[in-house]
Amino acid sequence: GCRTVVVKGEAQTCTKAISVAEIVKRRMPFLHQNNQISYSSIEDVWTPKDETMGLDELQVVRKVPSIHITLSIDALDPSANGYQAPKQKKKPQKAKAKSTTTTPRRASRGSKTKESSSTPR
């Protein structure tokens, strides 16, 4: 099975990546976590549709945030920036299956069950 998962998000999906990681950690509190935040530069260039109008190209450089969240069953480097220790130290053992025998239950006095009688009224 998989022992490490990396959740990535960029720009508007950073918050969704964080939410996914938190949901996974809530269900599996024994996971180690390491967060890495970075920015990448994206250059957008717009050229005019009609070059006869004398318009120049427009260049815009924007910085876009990204996050990489590593979730692992195995221990990660605790000295790394962005490390979060697990809330629960050990992975819980699987519980043995309980036998599910049922016993018939009798209707309580106030219940609305109809009883058939053999004598006419």
Protein backbone atom coordinates (compact mmCIF):
# COMPACT_ATOMS: atom_id res chain seq x y z
CA GLY A 1 0.00 0.00 0.00
CA CYS A 2 0.87 3.65 -0.21
CA ARG A 3 2.71 5.08 2.80
CA THR A 4 3.13 8.70 1.62
CA VAL A 5 0.75 11.08 -0.16
CA VAL A 6 1.51 14.56 -1.53
CA VAL A 7 -1.36 17.02 -1.89
CA LYS A 8 -0.57 19.98 -4.17
CA GLY A 9 -2.41 23.21 -4.77
CA GLU A 10 -1.65 26.32 -6.79
CA ALA A 11 -3.30 29.76 -6.79
CA GLN A 12 -7.00 29.37 -5.86
CA THR A 13 -6.62 25.64 -5.14
CA CYS A 14 -4.23 26.18 -2.19
CA THR A 15 -7.13 26.38 0.26
CA LYS A 16 -8.72 23.24 -1.18
CA ALA A 17 -5.41 21.35 -0.82
CA ILE A 18 -5.22 22.41 2.83
CA SER A 19 -8.82 21.29 3.41
CA VAL A 20 -8.15 17.88 1.84
CA ALA A 21 -5.06 17.39 4.02
CA GLU A 22 -6.96 18.36 7.17
CA ILE A 23 -9.81 15.95 6.38
CA VAL A 24 -7.33 13.11 5.83
CA LYS A 25 -5.51 13.97 9.08
CA ARG A 26 -8.77 14.06 11.01
CA ARG A 27 -9.51 10.50 9.88
CA MET A 28 -5.91 9.33 10.30
CA PRO A 29 -4.42 11.32 13.24
CA PHE A 30 -1.20 9.25 13.28
CA LEU A 31 0.14 10.85 10.04
CA HIS A 32 3.25 13.03 9.91
CA GLN A 33 2.91 16.23 7.86
CA ASN A 34 5.38 18.49 6.08
CA ASN A 35 4.31 21.72 4.34
CA GLN A 36 6.24 23.51 1.61
CA ILE A 37 5.07 26.90 0.36
CA SER A 38 6.53 28.50 -2.75
CA TYR A 39 5.78 31.11 -5.38
CA SER A 40 6.19 30.86 -9.12
CA SER A 41 6.30 33.77 -11.54
CA ILE A 42 3.93 33.67 -14.49
CA GLU A 43 4.31 36.13 -17.32
CA ASP A 44 1.21 37.06 -19.28
CA VAL A 45 1.64 38.80 -22.64
CA TRP A 46 -1.20 40.47 -24.51
CA THR A 47 -0.74 41.56 -28.10
CA PRO A 48 -3.16 43.97 -29.77
CA LYS A 49 -5.58 42.45 -32.29
CA ASP A 50 -5.19 45.35 -34.67
CA GLU A 51 -1.54 46.37 -35.07
CA THR A 52 -2.44 49.39 -37.22
CA MET A 53 -3.73 51.26 -34.16
CA GLY A 54 -0.19 51.66 -32.80
CA LEU A 55 -0.77 49.83 -29.49
CA ASP A 56 2.14 48.13 -27.68
CA GLU A 57 2.28 44.64 -26.23
CA LEU A 58 1.31 44.43 -22.59
CA GLN A 59 3.42 42.23 -20.30
CA VAL A 60 2.39 41.43 -16.73
CA VAL A 61 4.37 39.27 -14.33
CA ARG A 62 2.42 37.85 -11.43
CA LYS A 63 3.49 35.66 -8.53
CA VAL A 64 1.30 32.63 -7.90
CA PRO A 65 1.47 30.77 -4.56
CA SER A 66 1.65 26.99 -4.40
CA ILE A 67 1.64 24.51 -1.53
CA HIS A 68 2.88 20.92 -1.31
CA ILE A 69 1.62 18.98 1.71
CA THR A 70 3.28 15.64 2.39
CA LEU A 71 1.35 13.22 4.59
CA SER A 72 3.19 10.08 5.67
CA ILE A 73 2.75 7.09 7.94
CA ASP A 74 6.56 6.97 8.26
CA ALA A 75 8.38 9.62 10.30
CA LEU A 76 9.47 12.72 8.37
CA ASP A 77 12.37 15.05 9.22
CA PRO A 78 11.24 16.92 12.37
CA SER A 79 13.85 19.65 11.84
CA ALA A 80 12.36 20.62 8.46
CA ASN A 81 10.50 23.91 8.19
CA GLY A 82 6.77 23.17 8.01
CA TYR A 83 6.90 19.83 9.88
CA GLN A 84 3.90 18.89 12.02
CA ALA A 85 4.05 15.90 14.33
CA PRO A 86 1.09 13.51 14.41
CA LYS A 87 -1.62 14.06 17.02
CA GLN A 88 -1.70 10.35 17.80
CA LYS A 89 1.60 8.47 18.09
CA LYS A 90 0.62 4.96 16.98
CA LYS A 91 -1.57 3.59 14.25
CA PRO A 92 -4.57 1.98 15.97
CA GLN A 93 -4.84 -1.80 15.78
CA LYS A 94 -7.78 -3.18 13.84
CA ALA A 95 -10.49 -4.36 16.19
CA LYS A 96 -11.57 -7.97 15.95
CA ALA A 97 -14.98 -8.46 14.42
CA LYS A 98 -17.65 -9.02 17.03
CA SER A 99 -20.25 -11.69 16.48
CA THR A 100 -23.60 -10.13 15.76
CA THR A 101 -26.14 -12.54 17.15
CA THR A 102 -29.54 -11.09 17.74
CA THR A 103 -32.17 -12.21 20.16
CA PRO A 104 -35.85 -11.80 19.39
CA ARG A 105 -37.40 -8.86 21.18
CA ARG A 106 -40.88 -8.75 22.61
CA ALA A 107 -43.17 -5.84 21.85
CA SER A 108 -43.54 -3.36 24.68
CA ARG A 109 -46.94 -2.68 26.22
CA GLY A 110 -47.49 0.64 24.51
CA SER A 111 -46.58 -0.58 21.02
CA LYS A 112 -49.06 -0.54 18.19
CA THR A 113 -48.77 -4.12 17.01
CA LYS A 114 -51.90 -6.04 16.07
CA GLU A 115 -52.39 -9.42 17.59
CA SER A 116 -54.67 -11.90 15.93
CA SER A 117 -57.11 -13.74 18.17
CA SER A 118 -58.79 -17.00 17.45
CA THR A 119 -62.03 -16.09 19.19
CA PRO A 120 -64.52 -13.88 17.33
CA ARG A 121 -65.75 -10.73 19.06
